[in-house]
Amino acid sequence: MKVYHVCDICQRIFNVSEQEGYEGSMAMQGMCEECLQEMGFADNSSPSQQFFYN
């Protein structure tokens, strides 16, 4: 089975994976790297760049 990872924000497919033993396809919602960066959620290696909100 092919699994299409679709971005919640831009609705683009950002990853395709395969599961053995199943037929067909399915979509999984998530967020692509571009949208994560635009929203400020990208993985920053520098701890001084992290912000926390309540």
C-alpha atoms as a PDB file:
ATOM      1  CA  MET A   1       0.000   0.000   0.000  1.00  0.00           C
ATOM      2  CA  LYS A   2       1.247   3.481  -0.800  1.00  0.00           C
ATOM      3  CA  VAL A   3       0.891   6.077   1.954  1.00  0.00           C
ATOM      4  CA  TYR A   4       0.782   9.682   0.775  1.00  0.00           C
ATOM      5  CA  HIS A   5       1.743  12.241   3.435  1.00  0.00           C
ATOM      6  CA  VAL A   6      -0.262  15.403   2.665  1.00  0.00           C
ATOM      7  CA  CYS A   7       0.458  18.814   4.225  1.00  0.00           C
ATOM      8  CA  ASP A   8      -2.464  20.276   6.231  1.00  0.00           C
ATOM      9  CA  ILE A   9      -1.501  23.810   5.200  1.00  0.00           C
ATOM     10  CA  CYS A  10      -0.564  23.750   1.502  1.00  0.00           C
ATOM     11  CA  GLN A  11      -2.249  20.404   0.609  1.00  0.00           C
ATOM     12  CA  ARG A  12       0.876  19.161  -1.221  1.00  0.00           C
ATOM     13  CA  ILE A  13       2.228  15.622  -0.963  1.00  0.00           C
ATOM     14  CA  PHE A  14       5.539  15.888   0.914  1.00  0.00           C
ATOM     15  CA  ASN A  15       6.382  12.210   1.319  1.00  0.00           C
ATOM     16  CA  VAL A  16       5.353   8.823  -0.088  1.00  0.00           C
ATOM     17  CA  SER A  17       6.020   5.590   1.769  1.00  0.00           C
ATOM     18  CA  GLU A  18       5.015   1.978   1.189  1.00  0.00           C
ATOM     19  CA  GLN A  19       3.618  -0.635   3.554  1.00  0.00           C
ATOM     20  CA  GLU A  20       4.224  -4.259   2.632  1.00  0.00           C
ATOM     21  CA  GLY A  21       1.347  -6.708   2.647  1.00  0.00           C
ATOM     22  CA  TYR A  22      -1.462  -4.246   1.915  1.00  0.00           C
ATOM     23  CA  GLU A  23      -3.110  -3.195  -1.347  1.00  0.00           C
ATOM     24  CA  GLY A  24      -4.301   0.295  -2.296  1.00  0.00           C
ATOM     25  CA  SER A  25      -3.359   3.721  -1.035  1.00  0.00           C
ATOM     26  CA  MET A  26      -4.175   6.138   1.768  1.00  0.00           C
ATOM     27  CA  ALA A  27      -3.431   9.719   2.797  1.00  0.00           C
ATOM     28  CA  MET A  28      -1.954  10.819   6.124  1.00  0.00           C
ATOM     29  CA  GLN A  29      -2.164  14.444   7.188  1.00  0.00           C
ATOM     30  CA  GLY A  30       0.888  16.270   8.502  1.00  0.00           C
ATOM     31  CA  MET A  31       2.988  19.337   7.770  1.00  0.00           C
ATOM     32  CA  CYS A  32       5.705  19.701   5.145  1.00  0.00           C
ATOM     33  CA  GLU A  33       9.108  21.188   5.969  1.00  0.00           C
ATOM     34  CA  GLU A  34       8.359  24.455   4.134  1.00  0.00           C
ATOM     35  CA  CYS A  35       5.197  25.141   6.109  1.00  0.00           C
ATOM     36  CA  LEU A  36       6.899  24.155   9.368  1.00  0.00           C
ATOM     37  CA  GLN A  37       9.639  26.700   8.684  1.00  0.00           C
ATOM     38  CA  GLU A  38       7.166  29.442   7.720  1.00  0.00           C
ATOM     39  CA  MET A  39       5.223  28.882  10.938  1.00  0.00           C
ATOM     40  CA  GLY A  40       8.402  28.774  13.045  1.00  0.00           C
ATOM     41  CA  PHE A  41       8.147  25.109  14.019  1.00  0.00           C
ATOM     42  CA  ALA A  42      11.226  23.890  12.128  1.00  0.00           C
ATOM     43  CA  ASP A  43      13.866  21.970  14.055  1.00  0.00           C
ATOM     44  CA  ASN A  44      16.444  24.501  15.244  1.00  0.00           C
ATOM     45  CA  SER A  45      19.777  23.160  16.382  1.00  0.00           C
ATOM     46  CA  SER A  46      20.433  26.269  18.467  1.00  0.00           C
ATOM     47  CA  PRO A  47      18.598  26.264  21.828  1.00  0.00           C
ATOM     48  CA  SER A  48      18.623  30.095  21.928  1.00  0.00           C
ATOM     49  CA  GLN A  49      16.283  30.129  18.905  1.00  0.00           C
ATOM     50  CA  GLN A  50      13.516  28.144  20.628  1.00  0.00           C
ATOM     51  CA  PHE A  51      10.368  29.911  21.778  1.00  0.00           C
ATOM     52  CA  PHE A  52       7.654  28.532  24.035  1.00  0.00           C
ATOM     53  CA  TYR A  53       4.115  29.888  24.237  1.00  0.00           C
ATOM     54  CA  ASN A  54       1.282  29.137  26.659  1.00  0.00           C
END
